[in-house]
C-alpha atoms as a PDB file:
ATOM      1  CA  MET A   1     136.470  83.491  97.639  1.00  0.00           C
ATOM      2  CA  LEU A   2     138.647  82.477  94.656  1.00  0.00           C
ATOM      3  CA  SER A   3     139.890  85.194  92.322  1.00  0.00           C
ATOM      4  CA  LEU A   4     142.140  85.409  89.246  1.00  0.00           C
ATOM      5  CA  TYR A   5     143.397  88.776  90.464  1.00  0.00           C
ATOM      6  CA  SER A   6     145.537  89.724  93.431  1.00  0.00           C
ATOM      7  CA  VAL A   7     143.564  90.588  96.557  1.00  0.00           C
ATOM      8  CA  ARG A   8     144.581  93.230  99.096  1.00  0.00           C
ATOM      9  CA  THR A   9     142.970  93.337 102.532  1.00  0.00           C
ATOM     10  CA  ILE A  10     142.362  96.831 103.884  1.00  0.00           C
ATOM     11  CA  LEU A  11     141.824  97.000 107.608  1.00  0.00           C
ATOM     12  CA  THR A  12     139.439  99.553 109.063  1.00  0.00           C
ATOM     13  CA  VAL A  13     141.091 102.210 111.207  1.00  0.00           C
ATOM     14  CA  PRO A  14     138.349 103.533 113.529  1.00  0.00           C
ATOM     15  CA  GLU A  15     140.055 106.883 114.169  1.00  0.00           C
ATOM     16  CA  ASN A  16     140.422 107.566 110.434  1.00  0.00           C
ATOM     17  CA  ALA A  17     136.786 106.597 109.898  1.00  0.00           C
ATOM     18  CA  ARG A  18     135.696 109.045 112.616  1.00  0.00           C
ATOM     19  CA  ARG A  19     137.761 111.842 111.023  1.00  0.00           C
ATOM     20  CA  VAL A  20     136.116 111.256 107.645  1.00  0.00           C
ATOM     21  CA  TYR A  21     132.662 111.171 109.214  1.00  0.00           C
ATOM     22  CA  ARG A  22     133.311 114.428 111.116  1.00  0.00           C
ATOM     23  CA  SER A  23     134.433 116.112 107.897  1.00  0.00           C
ATOM     24  CA  ILE A  24     131.271 114.920 106.102  1.00  0.00           C
ATOM     25  CA  LEU A  25     129.194 116.188 109.012  1.00  0.00           C
ATOM     26  CA  LYS A  26     130.740 119.664 108.642  1.00  0.00           C
ATOM     27  CA  VAL A  27     129.909 119.794 104.926  1.00  0.00           C
ATOM     28  CA  SER A  28     126.338 118.481 105.306  1.00  0.00           C
ATOM     29  CA  PRO A  29     124.603 116.877 108.311  1.00  0.00           C
ATOM     30  CA  THR A  30     121.916 115.656 105.879  1.00  0.00           C
ATOM     31  CA  ALA A  31     124.496 113.839 103.764  1.00  0.00           C
ATOM     32  CA  ALA A  32     126.080 112.289 106.866  1.00  0.00           C
ATOM     33  CA  ASP A  33     122.692 110.950 107.986  1.00  0.00           C
ATOM     34  CA  MET A  34     122.000 109.590 104.487  1.00  0.00           C
ATOM     35  CA  LEU A  35     125.316 107.718 104.463  1.00  0.00           C
ATOM     36  CA  ARG A  36     124.677 106.286 107.918  1.00  0.00           C
ATOM     37  CA  ARG A  37     121.254 105.025 106.838  1.00  0.00           C
ATOM     38  CA  CYS A  38     122.468 103.815 103.435  1.00  0.00           C
ATOM     39  CA  TYR A  39     124.943 101.511 105.167  1.00  0.00           C
ATOM     40  CA  LEU A  40     121.953  99.664 106.670  1.00  0.00           C
ATOM     41  CA  THR A  41     120.165  99.177 103.326  1.00  0.00           C
ATOM     42  CA  CYS A  42     120.217  96.154 101.028  1.00  0.00           C
ATOM     43  CA  LEU A  43     121.520  98.233  98.089  1.00  0.00           C
ATOM     44  CA  ASP A  44     123.821  96.195  95.829  1.00  0.00           C
ATOM     45  CA  GLU A  45     127.439  97.416  95.916  1.00  0.00           C
ATOM     46  CA  LYS A  46     126.421 100.059  98.444  1.00  0.00           C
ATOM     47  CA  GLU A  47     130.033 100.713  99.439  1.00  0.00           C
ATOM     48  CA  MET A  48     130.895 101.905  95.905  1.00  0.00           C
ATOM     49  CA  HIS A  49     127.724 104.016  95.771  1.00  0.00           C
ATOM     50  CA  MET A  50     128.649 105.585  99.100  1.00  0.00           C
ATOM     51  CA  TYR A  51     132.200 106.246  97.866  1.00  0.00           C
ATOM     52  CA  ARG A  52     130.913 108.045  94.744  1.00  0.00           C
ATOM     53  CA  PHE A  53     128.476 110.008  96.918  1.00  0.00           C
ATOM     54  CA  ILE A  54     131.272 111.156  99.261  1.00  0.00           C
ATOM     55  CA  ARG A  55     133.548 112.185  96.372  1.00  0.00           C
ATOM     56  CA  LYS A  56     130.727 114.213  94.836  1.00  0.00           C
ATOM     57  CA  LEU A  57     130.013 115.812  98.216  1.00  0.00           C
ATOM     58  CA  TYR A  58     133.651 116.893  98.646  1.00  0.00           C
ATOM     59  CA  SER A  59     133.940 118.241  95.099  1.00  0.00           C
ATOM     60  CA  CYS A  60     130.523 119.952  94.752  1.00  0.00           C
ATOM     61  CA  GLY A  61     129.314 120.542  98.288  1.00  0.00           C
ATOM     62  CA  ASN A  62     125.756 119.624  99.228  1.00  0.00           C
ATOM     63  CA  SER A  63     124.131 121.446  96.285  1.00  0.00           C
ATOM     64  CA  PHE A  64     123.777 118.192  94.305  1.00  0.00           C
ATOM     65  CA  LEU A  65     121.387 116.880  96.992  1.00  0.00           C
ATOM     66  CA  LYS A  66     118.698 119.095  95.444  1.00  0.00           C
ATOM     67  CA  ASN A  67     118.808 117.007  92.265  1.00  0.00           C
ATOM     68  CA  GLN A  68     117.329 113.559  92.895  1.00  0.00           C
ATOM     69  CA  ALA A  69     118.265 112.474  89.365  1.00  0.00           C
ATOM     70  CA  ASP A  70     121.966 112.932  90.102  1.00  0.00           C
ATOM     71  CA  ASP A  71     123.901 109.706  89.425  1.00  0.00           C
ATOM     72  CA  ALA A  72     125.623 109.793  92.825  1.00  0.00           C
ATOM     73  CA  TYR A  73     122.502 110.763  94.766  1.00  0.00           C
ATOM     74  CA  HIS A  74     119.671 108.766  93.173  1.00  0.00           C
ATOM     75  CA  PRO A  75     120.701 105.137  94.066  1.00  0.00           C
ATOM     76  CA  ILE A  76     121.255 106.051  97.715  1.00  0.00           C
ATOM     77  CA  ALA A  77     118.029 108.057  98.024  1.00  0.00           C
ATOM     78  CA  LYS A  78     116.067 105.213  96.386  1.00  0.00           C
ATOM     79  CA  ALA A  79     117.576 102.605  98.746  1.00  0.00           C
ATOM     80  CA  ILE A  80     116.762 104.743 101.798  1.00  0.00           C
ATOM     81  CA  ARG A  81     113.160 105.234 100.634  1.00  0.00           C
ATOM     82  CA  HIS A  82     112.818 101.453 100.309  1.00  0.00           C
ATOM     83  CA  MET A  83     114.207 100.954 103.813  1.00  0.00           C
ATOM     84  CA  ASN A  84     111.957 103.671 105.267  1.00  0.00           C
ATOM     85  CA  GLY A  85     108.916 101.914 103.811  1.00  0.00           C
ATOM     86  CA  GLU A  86     110.011  98.637 105.397  1.00  0.00           C
ATOM     87  CA  LEU A  87     110.600 100.401 108.732  1.00  0.00           C
ATOM     88  CA  GLU A  88     107.120 101.895 108.684  1.00  0.00           C
ATOM     89  CA  LYS A  89     105.535  98.495 108.084  1.00  0.00           C
ATOM     90  CA  LEU A  90     107.596  96.729 110.742  1.00  0.00           C
ATOM     91  CA  ARG A  91     106.659  99.284 113.415  1.00  0.00           C
ATOM     92  CA  GLY A  92     103.103  98.030 112.978  1.00  0.00           C
ATOM     93  CA  PHE A  93     103.646  94.393 111.965  1.00  0.00           C
ATOM     94  CA  VAL A  94     106.075  93.175 114.685  1.00  0.00           C
ATOM     95  CA  ARG A  95     104.240  90.728 116.969  1.00  0.00           C
ATOM     96  CA  PHE A  96     105.647  89.946 120.410  1.00  0.00           C
ATOM     97  CA  SER A  97     105.100  86.715 122.338  1.00  0.00           C
ATOM     98  CA  ASP A  98     105.659  86.117 126.042  1.00  0.00           C
ATOM     99  CA  TYR A  99     108.547  83.781 126.922  1.00  0.00           C
ATOM    100  CA  ASN A 100     108.570  83.421 130.716  1.00  0.00           C
ATOM    101  CA  GLY A 101     108.202  87.153 131.295  1.00  0.00           C
ATOM    102  CA  THR A 102     110.342  88.290 128.349  1.00  0.00           C
ATOM    103  CA  LEU A 103     108.734  89.664 125.182  1.00  0.00           C
ATOM    104  CA  GLY A 104     110.188  88.212 121.996  1.00  0.00           C
ATOM    105  CA  ALA A 105     109.659  88.680 118.261  1.00  0.00           C
ATOM    106  CA  GLU A 106     111.165  87.580 114.955  1.00  0.00           C
ATOM    107  CA  ILE A 107     111.512  89.601 111.773  1.00  0.00           C
ATOM    108  CA  GLU A 108     112.944  88.855 108.320  1.00  0.00           C
ATOM    109  CA  PRO A 109     113.615  92.270 106.759  1.00  0.00           C
ATOM    110  CA  LYS A 110     115.484  92.936 103.530  1.00  0.00           C
ATOM    111  CA  ASN A 111     117.374  95.824 105.150  1.00  0.00           C
ATOM    112  CA  ARG A 112     119.354  95.871 108.394  1.00  0.00           C
ATOM    113  CA  VAL A 113     116.656  97.727 110.318  1.00  0.00           C
ATOM    114  CA  LEU A 114     117.251  96.736 113.966  1.00  0.00           C
ATOM    115  CA  PRO A 115     119.442  99.790 114.775  1.00  0.00           C
ATOM    116  CA  LEU A 116     116.594 102.020 113.535  1.00  0.00           C
ATOM    117  CA  LEU A 117     113.830 100.036 115.251  1.00  0.00           C
ATOM    118  CA  ARG A 118     115.688  99.938 118.566  1.00  0.00           C
ATOM    119  CA  SER A 119     114.543 103.283 120.003  1.00  0.00           C
ATOM    120  CA  HIS A 120     110.921 102.787 118.883  1.00  0.00           C
ATOM    121  CA  PHE A 121     110.382  99.488 120.693  1.00  0.00           C
ATOM    122  CA  CYS A 122     112.687 100.150 123.656  1.00  0.00           C
ATOM    123  CA  ASN A 123     110.826 103.401 124.391  1.00  0.00           C
ATOM    124  CA  ARG A 124     107.433 101.823 123.800  1.00  0.00           C
ATOM    125  CA  TYR A 125     108.146  98.907 126.167  1.00  0.00           C
ATOM    126  CA  ALA A 126     110.450 100.779 128.540  1.00  0.00           C
ATOM    127  CA  ASN A 127     109.388  98.728 131.586  1.00  0.00           C
ATOM    128  CA  GLU A 128     109.688  95.341 129.875  1.00  0.00           C
ATOM    129  CA  SER A 129     112.497  92.973 128.938  1.00  0.00           C
ATOM    130  CA  LEU A 130     112.428  92.134 125.250  1.00  0.00           C
ATOM    131  CA  PHE A 131     114.321  90.776 122.263  1.00  0.00           C
ATOM    132  CA  ILE A 132     113.867  91.046 118.497  1.00  0.00           C
ATOM    133  CA  TYR A 133     115.691  88.589 116.255  1.00  0.00           C
ATOM    134  CA  ASP A 134     116.517  89.560 112.668  1.00  0.00           C
ATOM    135  CA  ARG A 135     116.670  86.171 110.988  1.00  0.00           C
ATOM    136  CA  THR A 136     117.887  87.607 107.671  1.00  0.00           C
ATOM    137  CA  HIS A 137     121.074  89.172 109.031  1.00  0.00           C
ATOM    138  CA  GLY A 138     121.573  87.211 112.263  1.00  0.00           C
ATOM    139  CA  ASP A 139     121.184  90.315 114.452  1.00  0.00           C
ATOM    140  CA  LEU A 140     119.637  90.088 117.925  1.00  0.00           C
ATOM    141  CA  LEU A 141     118.354  93.138 119.815  1.00  0.00           C
ATOM    142  CA  LEU A 142     118.276  92.724 123.602  1.00  0.00           C
ATOM    143  CA  TYR A 143     116.673  95.216 125.980  1.00  0.00           C
ATOM    144  CA  THR A 144     116.182  95.211 129.747  1.00  0.00           C
ATOM    145  CA  LYS A 145     116.192  97.789 132.556  1.00  0.00           C
ATOM    146  CA  GLY A 146     116.776 100.751 130.253  1.00  0.00           C
ATOM    147  CA  ARG A 147     119.769  99.216 128.466  1.00  0.00           C
ATOM    148  CA  SER A 148     119.861  97.766 124.952  1.00  0.00           C
ATOM    149  CA  GLN A 149     122.420  95.946 122.833  1.00  0.00           C
ATOM    150  CA  ILE A 150     122.526  94.469 119.321  1.00  0.00           C
ATOM    151  CA  LEU A 151     124.526  91.264 118.944  1.00  0.00           C
ATOM    152  CA  GLN A 152     125.524  89.075 116.016  1.00  0.00           C
ATOM    153  CA  VAL A 153     124.499  85.440 116.555  1.00  0.00           C
ATOM    154  CA  ASP A 154     125.411  82.425 114.420  1.00  0.00           C
ATOM    155  CA  SER A 155     122.156  80.589 115.049  1.00  0.00           C
ATOM    156  CA  TRP A 156     119.089  80.996 117.203  1.00  0.00           C
ATOM    157  CA  GLN A 157     116.010  78.916 117.856  1.00  0.00           C
ATOM    158  CA  LYS A 158     113.109  80.308 119.804  1.00  0.00           C
ATOM    159  CA  ALA A 159     111.438  78.246 122.512  1.00  0.00           C
ATOM    160  CA  LEU A 160     107.956  76.887 121.989  1.00  0.00           C
ATOM    161  CA  PRO A 161     105.252  79.112 123.482  1.00  0.00           C
ATOM    162  CA  GLY A 162     103.675  78.104 126.775  1.00  0.00           C
ATOM    163  CA  GLU A 163     100.025  77.280 127.350  1.00  0.00           C
ATOM    164  CA  GLU A 164      99.127  80.801 128.487  1.00  0.00           C
ATOM    165  CA  GLU A 165     100.831  82.354 125.454  1.00  0.00           C
ATOM    166  CA  ILE A 166      98.945  79.983 123.156  1.00  0.00           C
ATOM    167  CA  TYR A 167      95.698  81.000 124.811  1.00  0.00           C
ATOM    168  CA  TYR A 168      96.361  84.706 124.208  1.00  0.00           C
ATOM    169  CA  ARG A 169      97.369  83.990 120.616  1.00  0.00           C
ATOM    170  CA  ALA A 170      94.055  82.241 120.161  1.00  0.00           C
ATOM    171  CA  LEU A 171      92.250  85.256 121.636  1.00  0.00           C
ATOM    172  CA  TRP A 172      94.016  87.570 119.201  1.00  0.00           C
ATOM    173  CA  LYS A 173      93.220  85.335 116.223  1.00  0.00           C
ATOM    174  CA  LYS A 174      89.578  85.196 117.303  1.00  0.00           C
ATOM    175  CA  PHE A 175      89.482  88.993 117.608  1.00  0.00           C
ATOM    176  CA  TYR A 176      91.046  89.340 114.143  1.00  0.00           C
ATOM    177  CA  GLU A 177      88.454  87.018 112.639  1.00  0.00           C
ATOM    178  CA  THR A 178      85.548  88.619 114.549  1.00  0.00           C
ATOM    179  CA  ILE A 179      86.155  92.179 113.355  1.00  0.00           C
ATOM    180  CA  ALA A 180      86.550  91.113 109.702  1.00  0.00           C
ATOM    181  CA  ILE A 181      83.666  92.054 107.372  1.00  0.00           C
ATOM    182  CA  LYS A 182      83.182  89.282 104.822  1.00  0.00           C
ATOM    183  CA  GLU A 183      81.362  91.538 102.356  1.00  0.00           C
ATOM    184  CA  ARG A 184      84.346  93.909 102.229  1.00  0.00           C
ATOM    185  CA  TYR A 185      87.025  91.221 101.837  1.00  0.00           C
ATOM    186  CA  ASN A 186      89.536  92.528  99.284  1.00  0.00           C
ATOM    187  CA  PRO A 187      92.698  90.405  99.026  1.00  0.00           C
ATOM    188  CA  ARG A 188      94.275  92.730  96.448  1.00  0.00           C
ATOM    189  CA  CYS A 189      93.954  95.719  98.785  1.00  0.00           C
ATOM    190  CA  GLN A 190      95.149  93.626 101.736  1.00  0.00           C
ATOM    191  CA  ASN A 191      98.275  92.557  99.844  1.00  0.00           C
ATOM    192  CA  THR A 192      99.069  96.221  99.161  1.00  0.00           C
ATOM    193  CA  PHE A 193      98.947  97.277 102.812  1.00  0.00           C
ATOM    194  CA  LEU A 194     100.023  93.919 104.288  1.00  0.00           C
ATOM    195  CA  PRO A 195     102.512  92.175 101.947  1.00  0.00           C
ATOM    196  CA  LYS A 196     102.589  88.386 102.257  1.00  0.00           C
ATOM    197  CA  ARG A 197     106.281  88.283 103.157  1.00  0.00           C
ATOM    198  CA  TYR A 198     105.480  89.737 106.605  1.00  0.00           C
ATOM    199  CA  ARG A 199     102.637  87.370 107.476  1.00  0.00           C
ATOM    200  CA  HIS A 200     104.551  84.264 108.557  1.00  0.00           C
ATOM    201  CA  ASN A 201     105.793  86.226 111.593  1.00  0.00           C
ATOM    202  CA  MET A 202     102.389  87.707 112.508  1.00  0.00           C
ATOM    203  CA  THR A 203     100.283  86.035 115.181  1.00  0.00           C
ATOM    204  CA  GLU A 204      96.978  86.364 113.343  1.00  0.00           C
ATOM    205  CA  PHE A 205      98.311  84.310 110.415  1.00  0.00           C
ATOM    206  CA  LEU A 206     100.133  81.620 112.438  1.00  0.00           C
ATOM    207  CA  PRO A 207      98.656  78.180 113.219  1.00  0.00           C
ATOM    208  CA  LEU A 208      98.123  77.497 116.915  1.00  0.00           C
ATOM    209  CA  GLU A 209     100.830  75.279 118.461  1.00  0.00           C
ATOM    210  CA  HIS A 210      99.176  73.313 121.218  1.00  0.00           C
ATOM    211  CA  GLU A 211      98.616  69.705 122.232  1.00  0.00           C
ATOM    212  CA  ASN A 212      94.901  70.137 122.512  1.00  0.00           C
ATOM    213  CA  PRO A 213      93.593  72.937 120.249  1.00  0.00           C
ATOM    214  CA  ALA A 214      90.029  71.711 120.746  1.00  0.00           C
ATOM    215  CA  ALA A 215      90.182  72.595 124.446  1.00  0.00           C
ATOM    216  CA  ILE A 216      91.245  76.153 123.646  1.00  0.00           C
ATOM    217  CA  THR A 217      88.542  76.476 121.007  1.00  0.00           C
ATOM    218  CA  GLN A 218      85.935  75.395 123.539  1.00  0.00           C
ATOM    219  CA  ASP A 219      87.213  77.983 126.053  1.00  0.00           C
ATOM    220  CA  LEU A 220      87.133  80.726 123.428  1.00  0.00           C
ATOM    221  CA  GLN A 221      83.517  80.032 122.553  1.00  0.00           C
ATOM    222  CA  THR A 222      82.579  81.191 126.039  1.00  0.00           C
ATOM    223  CA  ALA A 223      85.199  83.950 126.235  1.00  0.00           C
ATOM    224  CA  LEU A 224      84.301  85.838 123.055  1.00  0.00           C
ATOM    225  CA  PRO A 225      81.107  86.456 121.082  1.00  0.00           C
ATOM    226  CA  LYS A 226      80.679  84.716 117.776  1.00  0.00           C
ATOM    227  CA  SER A 227      81.156  86.578 114.506  1.00  0.00           C
ATOM    228  CA  SER A 228      77.983  88.114 113.146  1.00  0.00           C
ATOM    229  CA  SER A 229      76.838  86.493 109.948  1.00  0.00           C
END
């Protein structure tokens, strides 16, 4: 990046960072957790907000955390609330597909949520092998045999689903359409609880990728009952 001013590179010293974190933890475990979570948010200039927060914590103690209108506290609390809302939605909206025995999913979150989603999905699918790719930040969560790891990848392209996976996707789409009640269709309410930015990674909103969709449709007509009119 070009600049008219002199630039100084400051290298991170892990031991110094751990000392600072331990000192914050002694003052307020709540503040330490907030800083850890804030680092994962999409808050603009979050490093400066975190710096102001830490200075206020050292000078005033944790009493200012009771005032959500505080200039040092409010931006961080607001960013964490936004991330928590996204986390809650993704716990329900992530859709896995089967790739030769491995479960895989894609997400495109605004915040860097994979470290916070890791325990939820690894515990839920403890006996499976799985991956979740965060396309926004280039993070890839891998889990197998009780061990998990988050890696940074430059690029990633998922394989096309197999015939069996396509069939189960079709079953899910048919189920989704069957349970819908036309008379109660309310797109405004649906957009509130299911924002459109999540839908392009959800099975029920994806087009079927198959050489012969007509064959699957014919199979489904015998596999599932038709929607009631």
